[in-house]
PDB file of N, CA and C in Angstrom:
ATOM      1  N   MET A   1       0.803  -1.075  -0.086  1.00  0.00           N
ATOM      2  CA  MET A   1      -0.155  -0.080  -0.034  1.00  0.00           C
ATOM      3  C   MET A   1       1.122   1.227  -0.042  1.00  0.00           C
ATOM      4  N   SER A   2       0.207   2.369  -0.702  1.00  0.00           N
ATOM      5  CA  SER A   2       1.115   3.322  -1.140  1.00  0.00           C
ATOM      6  C   SER A   2       0.908   3.901   0.401  1.00  0.00           C
ATOM      7  N   ARG A   3       2.286   5.133   0.455  1.00  0.00           N
ATOM      8  CA  ARG A   3       1.934   6.239   2.158  1.00  0.00           C
ATOM      9  C   ARG A   3       0.764   6.566   1.272  1.00  0.00           C
ATOM     10  N   ARG A   4       0.672   7.140   0.230  1.00  0.00           N
ATOM     11  CA  ARG A   4      -0.564   8.311   0.387  1.00  0.00           C
ATOM     12  C   ARG A   4      -2.197   7.294   0.377  1.00  0.00           C
ATOM     13  N   ASP A   5      -1.771   6.251   0.459  1.00  0.00           N
ATOM     14  CA  ASP A   5      -3.108   5.227   0.670  1.00  0.00           C
ATOM     15  C   ASP A   5      -3.326   5.676   1.578  1.00  0.00           C
ATOM     16  N   ALA A   6      -1.917   5.105   2.933  1.00  0.00           N
ATOM     17  CA  ALA A   6      -2.444   4.898   4.202  1.00  0.00           C
ATOM     18  C   ALA A   6      -3.017   6.039   4.878  1.00  0.00           C
ATOM     19  N   LEU A   7      -2.255   7.476   4.000  1.00  0.00           N
ATOM     20  CA  LEU A   7      -2.140   8.950   4.597  1.00  0.00           C
ATOM     21  C   LEU A   7      -4.126   8.824   4.772  1.00  0.00           C
ATOM     22  N   ILE A   8      -4.395   8.499   3.467  1.00  0.00           N
ATOM     23  CA  ILE A   8      -6.309   8.346   3.029  1.00  0.00           C
ATOM     24  C   ILE A   8      -7.079   8.010   3.893  1.00  0.00           C
ATOM     25  N   LEU A   9      -6.620   6.747   4.695  1.00  0.00           N
ATOM     26  CA  LEU A   9      -7.291   5.573   5.734  1.00  0.00           C
ATOM     27  C   LEU A   9      -7.383   6.669   6.494  1.00  0.00           C
ATOM     28  N   ARG A  10      -6.155   6.504   7.016  1.00  0.00           N
ATOM     29  CA  ARG A  10      -5.867   7.248   8.571  1.00  0.00           C
ATOM     30  C   ARG A  10      -6.978   8.655   8.618  1.00  0.00           C
ATOM     31  N   ALA A  11      -6.687   9.351   8.020  1.00  0.00           N
ATOM     32  CA  ALA A  11      -7.962  10.691   8.197  1.00  0.00           C
ATOM     33  C   ALA A  11      -9.001   9.818   7.525  1.00  0.00           C
ATOM     34  N   ALA A  12      -9.316   9.239   7.233  1.00  0.00           N
ATOM     35  CA  ALA A  12     -10.652   8.306   6.865  1.00  0.00           C
ATOM     36  C   ALA A  12     -10.933   7.956   8.631  1.00  0.00           C
ATOM     37  N   ALA A  13     -10.681   7.586   9.149  1.00  0.00           N
ATOM     38  CA  ALA A  13     -10.311   6.799  10.500  1.00  0.00           C
ATOM     39  C   ALA A  13     -10.755   8.170  11.621  1.00  0.00           C
ATOM     40  N   ILE A  14      -9.863   8.887  11.563  1.00  0.00           N
ATOM     41  CA  ILE A  14      -9.941  10.109  12.918  1.00  0.00           C
ATOM     42  C   ILE A  14     -10.777  11.072  12.047  1.00  0.00           C
ATOM     43  N   TRP A  15     -10.906  11.216  11.064  1.00  0.00           N
ATOM     44  CA  TRP A  15     -12.190  11.739  10.820  1.00  0.00           C
ATOM     45  C   TRP A  15     -13.308  11.343  11.569  1.00  0.00           C
ATOM     46  N   THR A  16     -13.799   9.803  11.502  1.00  0.00           N
ATOM     47  CA  THR A  16     -14.812   9.081  11.833  1.00  0.00           C
ATOM     48  C   THR A  16     -14.825   9.211  13.283  1.00  0.00           C
ATOM     49  N   VAL A  17     -13.782   9.043  13.983  1.00  0.00           N
ATOM     50  CA  VAL A  17     -13.567   9.428  16.204  1.00  0.00           C
ATOM     51  C   VAL A  17     -13.748  10.434  16.086  1.00  0.00           C
ATOM     52  N   TRP A  18     -13.742  11.928  15.674  1.00  0.00           N
ATOM     53  CA  TRP A  18     -14.047  13.033  15.816  1.00  0.00           C
ATOM     54  C   TRP A  18     -15.568  13.489  15.091  1.00  0.00           C
ATOM     55  N   VAL A  19     -16.423  13.064  14.514  1.00  0.00           N
ATOM     56  CA  VAL A  19     -17.367  12.718  14.242  1.00  0.00           C
ATOM     57  C   VAL A  19     -18.048  12.034  14.913  1.00  0.00           C
ATOM     58  N   TRP A  20     -18.374  11.790  15.239  1.00  0.00           N
ATOM     59  CA  TRP A  20     -18.898  10.664  16.320  1.00  0.00           C
ATOM     60  C   TRP A  20     -19.062  11.140  18.150  1.00  0.00           C
ATOM     61  N   GLY A  21     -17.612  11.759  17.767  1.00  0.00           N
ATOM     62  CA  GLY A  21     -16.971  11.811  19.532  1.00  0.00           C
ATOM     63  C   GLY A  21     -17.824  13.244  19.428  1.00  0.00           C
ATOM     64  N   THR A  22     -18.229  14.074  18.909  1.00  0.00           N
ATOM     65  CA  THR A  22     -18.639  15.649  18.585  1.00  0.00           C
ATOM     66  C   THR A  22     -20.302  15.456  18.875  1.00  0.00           C
ATOM     67  N   ARG A  23     -20.771  14.116  18.166  1.00  0.00           N
ATOM     68  CA  ARG A  23     -22.095  14.354  17.697  1.00  0.00           C
ATOM     69  C   ARG A  23     -22.437  13.297  18.804  1.00  0.00           C
ATOM     70  N   ILE A  24     -21.892  12.674  19.577  1.00  0.00           N
ATOM     71  CA  ILE A  24     -22.413  11.970  20.762  1.00  0.00           C
ATOM     72  C   ILE A  24     -22.297  12.610  21.972  1.00  0.00           C
ATOM     73  N   TRP A  25     -21.572  13.838  21.699  1.00  0.00           N
ATOM     74  CA  TRP A  25     -21.679  14.482  22.991  1.00  0.00           C
ATOM     75  C   TRP A  25     -22.964  15.578  23.230  1.00  0.00           C
ATOM     76  N   ASN A  26     -23.202  16.024  21.894  1.00  0.00           N
ATOM     77  CA  ASN A  26     -23.562  17.196  21.846  1.00  0.00           C
ATOM     78  C   ASN A  26     -25.075  15.813  21.870  1.00  0.00           C
ATOM     79  N   ILE A  27     -25.630  14.815  21.495  1.00  0.00           N
ATOM     80  CA  ILE A  27     -26.952  13.682  21.444  1.00  0.00           C
ATOM     81  C   ILE A  27     -27.047  13.662  23.335  1.00  0.00           C
ATOM     82  N   TRP A  28     -25.692  13.642  23.809  1.00  0.00           N
ATOM     83  CA  TRP A  28     -26.436  12.664  25.016  1.00  0.00           C
ATOM     84  C   TRP A  28     -26.377  14.701  26.156  1.00  0.00           C
ATOM     85  N   ASN A  29     -26.016  15.413  25.756  1.00  0.00           N
ATOM     86  CA  ASN A  29     -26.041  16.633  26.602  1.00  0.00           C
ATOM     87  C   ASN A  29     -27.245  17.477  26.401  1.00  0.00           C
ATOM     88  N   ASP A  30     -28.096  16.880  24.875  1.00  0.00           N
ATOM     89  CA  ASP A  30     -29.286  17.392  24.995  1.00  0.00           C
ATOM     90  C   ASP A  30     -29.891  17.098  25.176  1.00  0.00           C
ATOM     91  N   ASP A  31     -31.563  17.631  25.081  1.00  0.00           N
ATOM     92  CA  ASP A  31     -32.785  17.048  25.287  1.00  0.00           C
ATOM     93  C   ASP A  31     -33.218  15.887  24.236  1.00  0.00           C
ATOM     94  N   HIS A  32     -32.944  14.693  24.467  1.00  0.00           N
ATOM     95  CA  HIS A  32     -33.866  13.598  23.810  1.00  0.00           C
ATOM     96  C   HIS A  32     -33.759  12.616  24.505  1.00  0.00           C
ATOM     97  N   GLY A  33     -34.640  11.682  23.780  1.00  0.00           N
ATOM     98  CA  GLY A  33     -35.311  10.481  25.014  1.00  0.00           C
ATOM     99  C   GLY A  33     -34.073   9.431  24.743  1.00  0.00           C
ATOM    100  N   PHE A  34     -33.953   8.773  25.833  1.00  0.00           N
ATOM    101  CA  PHE A  34     -32.987   7.783  26.569  1.00  0.00           C
ATOM    102  C   PHE A  34     -33.038   7.070  24.483  1.00  0.00           C
ATOM    103  N   GLY A  35     -34.064   5.834  24.274  1.00  0.00           N
ATOM    104  CA  GLY A  35     -33.884   5.667  23.077  1.00  0.00           C
ATOM    105  C   GLY A  35     -33.081   6.439  21.906  1.00  0.00           C
ATOM    106  N   PHE A  36     -33.113   7.502  20.881  1.00  0.00           N
ATOM    107  CA  PHE A  36     -32.552   7.957  20.356  1.00  0.00           C
ATOM    108  C   PHE A  36     -30.959   8.073  21.189  1.00  0.00           C
ATOM    109  N   LYS A  37     -31.246   8.681  22.062  1.00  0.00           N
ATOM    110  CA  LYS A  37     -29.139   8.344  21.888  1.00  0.00           C
ATOM    111  C   LYS A  37     -29.200   6.854  22.711  1.00  0.00           C
ATOM    112  N   ALA A  38     -29.847   6.182  22.767  1.00  0.00           N
ATOM    113  CA  ALA A  38     -28.810   4.175  22.859  1.00  0.00           C
ATOM    114  C   ALA A  38     -29.135   4.242  21.650  1.00  0.00           C
ATOM    115  N   VAL A  39     -29.647   4.692  20.714  1.00  0.00           N
ATOM    116  CA  VAL A  39     -29.424   3.793  19.108  1.00  0.00           C
ATOM    117  C   VAL A  39     -27.465   4.650  18.335  1.00  0.00           C
ATOM    118  N   HIS A  40     -28.149   6.301  18.547  1.00  0.00           N
ATOM    119  CA  HIS A  40     -27.023   6.513  18.340  1.00  0.00           C
ATOM    120  C   HIS A  40     -25.928   6.469  19.303  1.00  0.00           C
ATOM    121  N   THR A  41     -25.343   5.596  19.963  1.00  0.00           N
ATOM    122  CA  THR A  41     -24.446   5.373  20.908  1.00  0.00           C
ATOM    123  C   THR A  41     -23.872   4.318  20.123  1.00  0.00           C
ATOM    124  N   VAL A  42     -25.122   3.297  19.645  1.00  0.00           N
ATOM    125  CA  VAL A  42     -24.383   2.066  19.095  1.00  0.00           C
ATOM    126  C   VAL A  42     -24.118   2.528  17.820  1.00  0.00           C
ATOM    127  N   LEU A  43     -24.699   2.923  16.853  1.00  0.00           N
ATOM    128  CA  LEU A  43     -24.115   3.664  15.868  1.00  0.00           C
ATOM    129  C   LEU A  43     -22.246   3.660  15.916  1.00  0.00           C
ATOM    130  N   ALA A  44     -22.491   5.410  17.006  1.00  0.00           N
ATOM    131  CA  ALA A  44     -20.863   5.780  17.329  1.00  0.00           C
ATOM    132  C   ALA A  44     -19.929   4.480  17.525  1.00  0.00           C
ATOM    133  N   VAL A  45     -20.346   3.592  18.508  1.00  0.00           N
ATOM    134  CA  VAL A  45     -19.541   1.990  18.641  1.00  0.00           C
ATOM    135  C   VAL A  45     -19.241   1.671  17.871  1.00  0.00           C
ATOM    136  N   VAL A  46     -20.577   0.971  16.851  1.00  0.00           N
ATOM    137  CA  VAL A  46     -19.677   0.280  15.478  1.00  0.00           C
ATOM    138  C   VAL A  46     -18.973   1.957  14.482  1.00  0.00           C
ATOM    139  N   SER A  47     -19.130   2.083  13.809  1.00  0.00           N
ATOM    140  CA  SER A  47     -18.374   3.175  13.726  1.00  0.00           C
ATOM    141  C   SER A  47     -17.150   4.205  13.793  1.00  0.00           C
ATOM    142  N   VAL A  48     -17.091   3.993  15.293  1.00  0.00           N
ATOM    143  CA  VAL A  48     -15.674   3.834  15.346  1.00  0.00           C
ATOM    144  C   VAL A  48     -14.620   2.324  15.833  1.00  0.00           C
ATOM    145  N   ALA A  49     -15.433   1.266  15.796  1.00  0.00           N
ATOM    146  CA  ALA A  49     -14.400   0.039  15.046  1.00  0.00           C
ATOM    147  C   ALA A  49     -14.011   0.032  13.979  1.00  0.00           C
ATOM    148  N   PHE A  50     -15.287   0.245  12.660  1.00  0.00           N
ATOM    149  CA  PHE A  50     -14.262   0.487  11.931  1.00  0.00           C
ATOM    150  C   PHE A  50     -13.630   0.904  11.808  1.00  0.00           C
ATOM    151  N   ALA A  51     -13.301   2.474  11.967  1.00  0.00           N
ATOM    152  CA  ALA A  51     -12.272   3.244  12.258  1.00  0.00           C
ATOM    153  C   ALA A  51     -11.054   2.389  13.194  1.00  0.00           C
ATOM    154  N   VAL A  52     -11.332   2.220  13.961  1.00  0.00           N
ATOM    155  CA  VAL A  52     -10.114   1.266  14.367  1.00  0.00           C
ATOM    156  C   VAL A  52      -9.269   0.477  13.757  1.00  0.00           C
ATOM    157  N   ALA A  53     -11.016  -0.321  12.608  1.00  0.00           N
ATOM    158  CA  ALA A  53     -10.016  -1.527  11.438  1.00  0.00           C
ATOM    159  C   ALA A  53      -9.745  -0.777  10.376  1.00  0.00           C
ATOM    160  N   ILE A  54     -10.125   0.360   9.990  1.00  0.00           N
ATOM    161  CA  ILE A  54      -9.496   0.992   9.144  1.00  0.00           C
ATOM    162  C   ILE A  54      -7.976   0.979   9.305  1.00  0.00           C
ATOM    163  N   TRP A  55      -7.905   1.774  10.258  1.00  0.00           N
ATOM    164  CA  TRP A  55      -6.267   2.386  10.779  1.00  0.00           C
ATOM    165  C   TRP A  55      -5.348   1.451  11.090  1.00  0.00           C
ATOM    166  N   ARG A  56      -5.889  -0.095  11.163  1.00  0.00           N
ATOM    167  CA  ARG A  56      -4.828  -1.816  11.182  1.00  0.00           C
ATOM    168  C   ARG A  56      -4.677  -1.498  10.190  1.00  0.00           C
ATOM    169  N   VAL A  57      -5.303  -1.685   9.293  1.00  0.00           N
ATOM    170  CA  VAL A  57      -5.486  -1.776   7.185  1.00  0.00           C
ATOM    171  C   VAL A  57      -4.464  -1.100   7.176  1.00  0.00           C
ATOM    172  N   ALA A  58      -4.252   0.416   7.238  1.00  0.00           N
ATOM    173  CA  ALA A  58      -3.478   1.244   7.229  1.00  0.00           C
ATOM    174  C   ALA A  58      -1.821   0.679   7.904  1.00  0.00           C
ATOM    175  N   ARG A  59      -2.189   0.474   8.500  1.00  0.00           N
ATOM    176  CA  ARG A  59      -1.063   0.001   9.196  1.00  0.00           C
ATOM    177  C   ARG A  59      -0.326  -0.989   8.532  1.00  0.00           C
ATOM    178  N   ARG A  60      -1.127  -2.459   8.480  1.00  0.00           N
ATOM    179  CA  ARG A  60      -0.400  -3.124   8.090  1.00  0.00           C
ATOM    180  C   ARG A  60      -0.216  -3.294   6.925  1.00  0.00           C
ATOM    181  N   GLY A  61      -1.074  -2.211   6.075  1.00  0.00           N
ATOM    182  CA  GLY A  61      -0.592  -2.255   4.931  1.00  0.00           C
ATOM    183  C   GLY A  61       0.752  -1.789   4.769  1.00  0.00           C
ATOM    184  N   ARG A  62       0.642  -0.484   5.431  1.00  0.00           N
ATOM    185  CA  ARG A  62       2.515   0.148   5.335  1.00  0.00           C
ATOM    186  C   ARG A  62       4.082  -0.937   5.610  1.00  0.00           C
ATOM    187  N   ALA A  63       3.422  -1.942   6.870  1.00  0.00           N
ATOM    188  CA  ALA A  63       4.686  -2.493   6.920  1.00  0.00           C
ATOM    189  C   ALA A  63       4.956  -3.817   6.333  1.00  0.00           C
ATOM    190  N   GLY A  64       3.630  -3.983   5.436  1.00  0.00           N
ATOM    191  CA  GLY A  64       4.177  -5.017   4.250  1.00  0.00           C
ATOM    192  C   GLY A  64       4.319  -4.304   3.026  1.00  0.00           C
ATOM    193  N   HIS A  65       5.004  -3.294   2.780  1.00  0.00           N
ATOM    194  CA  HIS A  65       4.994  -2.516   2.054  1.00  0.00           C
ATOM    195  C   HIS A  65       7.077  -2.346   1.579  1.00  0.00           C
ATOM    196  N   SER A  66       6.888  -3.662   0.726  1.00  0.00           N
ATOM    197  CA  SER A  66       8.033  -4.281   0.851  1.00  0.00           C
ATOM    198  C   SER A  66       8.819  -3.437  -0.963  1.00  0.00           C
ATOM    199  N   GLY A  67       7.836  -3.002  -1.650  1.00  0.00           N
ATOM    200  CA  GLY A  67       8.787  -2.608  -3.434  1.00  0.00           C
ATOM    201  C   GLY A  67       8.132  -1.039  -3.210  1.00  0.00           C
ATOM    202  N   GLU A  68       8.174  -0.668  -4.528  1.00  0.00           N
ATOM    203  CA  GLU A  68       7.795   0.444  -5.176  1.00  0.00           C
ATOM    204  C   GLU A  68       6.992  -0.082  -5.976  1.00  0.00           C
ATOM    205  N   VAL A  69       6.415   1.459  -5.478  1.00  0.00           N
ATOM    206  CA  VAL A  69       4.861   1.220  -6.726  1.00  0.00           C
ATOM    207  C   VAL A  69       5.020   1.956  -8.020  1.00  0.00           C
ATOM    208  N   HIS A  70       5.192   1.812  -9.061  1.00  0.00           N
ATOM    209  CA  HIS A  70       5.813   2.115 -10.301  1.00  0.00           C
ATOM    210  C   HIS A  70       5.092   2.806 -11.212  1.00  0.00           C
ATOM    211  N   ASP A  71       3.839   2.387 -11.478  1.00  0.00           N
ATOM    212  CA  ASP A  71       1.945   3.385 -11.962  1.00  0.00           C
ATOM    213  C   ASP A  71       1.246   2.470 -10.918  1.00  0.00           C
ATOM    214  N   ALA A  72       0.128   3.211 -11.321  1.00  0.00           N
ATOM    215  CA  ALA A  72      -1.045   2.533 -10.895  1.00  0.00           C
ATOM    216  C   ALA A  72      -1.411   0.798 -10.961  1.00  0.00           C
ATOM    217  N   GLY A  73      -1.278   0.835 -11.703  1.00  0.00           N
ATOM    218  CA  GLY A  73      -1.542  -0.916 -12.021  1.00  0.00           C
ATOM    219  C   GLY A  73      -0.348  -2.136 -11.949  1.00  0.00           C
ATOM    220  N   THR A  74       0.822  -1.827 -12.040  1.00  0.00           N
ATOM    221  CA  THR A  74       1.834  -2.279 -11.568  1.00  0.00           C
ATOM    222  C   THR A  74       2.801  -2.417 -10.146  1.00  0.00           C
ATOM    223  N   PHE A  75       3.359  -3.375  -9.528  1.00  0.00           N
ATOM    224  CA  PHE A  75       4.249  -3.807  -8.252  1.00  0.00           C
ATOM    225  C   PHE A  75       5.261  -4.085  -8.198  1.00  0.00           C
ATOM    226  N   GLN A  76       6.262  -3.731  -8.119  1.00  0.00           N
ATOM    227  CA  GLN A  76       7.277  -4.372  -8.133  1.00  0.00           C
ATOM    228  C   GLN A  76       8.165  -4.867  -6.955  1.00  0.00           C
ATOM    229  N   ARG A  77       8.593  -6.260  -6.687  1.00  0.00           N
ATOM    230  CA  ARG A  77       9.170  -6.176  -5.358  1.00  0.00           C
ATOM    231  C   ARG A  77      10.657  -5.590  -5.369  1.00  0.00           C
ATOM    232  N   SER A  78      10.888  -5.537  -4.057  1.00  0.00           N
ATOM    233  CA  SER A  78      12.171  -5.119  -4.428  1.00  0.00           C
ATOM    234  C   SER A  78      14.129  -6.019  -4.121  1.00  0.00           C
ATOM    235  N   THR A  79      12.895  -7.064  -3.352  1.00  0.00           N
ATOM    236  CA  THR A  79      13.551  -8.258  -3.361  1.00  0.00           C
ATOM    237  C   THR A  79      14.227  -8.772  -4.469  1.00  0.00           C
ATOM    238  N   THR A  80      12.695  -9.187  -5.231  1.00  0.00           N
ATOM    239  CA  THR A  80      12.645 -10.251  -6.599  1.00  0.00           C
ATOM    240  C   THR A  80      12.681  -9.932  -7.720  1.00  0.00           C
ATOM    241  N   GLY A  81      11.908  -8.762  -7.744  1.00  0.00           N
ATOM    242  CA  GLY A  81      12.349  -8.378  -9.164  1.00  0.00           C
ATOM    243  C   GLY A  81      10.777  -8.301 -10.118  1.00  0.00           C
ATOM    244  N   ALA A  82      10.374  -9.530  -9.077  1.00  0.00           N
ATOM    245  CA  ALA A  82       9.313  -9.914  -9.677  1.00  0.00           C
ATOM    246  C   ALA A  82       7.884  -8.580  -9.998  1.00  0.00           C
ATOM    247  N   SER A  83       6.918  -8.654 -10.649  1.00  0.00           N
ATOM    248  CA  SER A  83       6.356  -7.825 -10.421  1.00  0.00           C
ATOM    249  C   SER A  83       4.833  -8.332 -10.995  1.00  0.00           C
ATOM    250  N   ARG A  84       3.650  -7.948 -10.777  1.00  0.00           N
ATOM    251  CA  ARG A  84       2.790  -8.560 -11.068  1.00  0.00           C
ATOM    252  C   ARG A  84       1.738  -7.058 -11.183  1.00  0.00           C
ATOM    253  N   SER A  85       0.387  -7.323 -12.400  1.00  0.00           N
ATOM    254  CA  SER A  85      -0.465  -6.250 -12.646  1.00  0.00           C
ATOM    255  C   SER A  85      -1.611  -6.703 -12.450  1.00  0.00           C
TER     256      SER A  85
END
């Protein structure tokens, strides 16, 4: 995975956590019923769990990056010289 791709995934993860953190703070401090608060809290927990998964994918993708990306479809390994499209 390229550095740019990993940064995009990490930005999406950070954005998700920030948006849901702000949203839940506002929901729990406003005058909403328990059901509304419960549903949105569950949605927030699921979304943040996906954000954590996205962050881990980006980290794993960068850790496994052992070659160079030459163009949009070709990846060449530094150690073997093999390429795939």
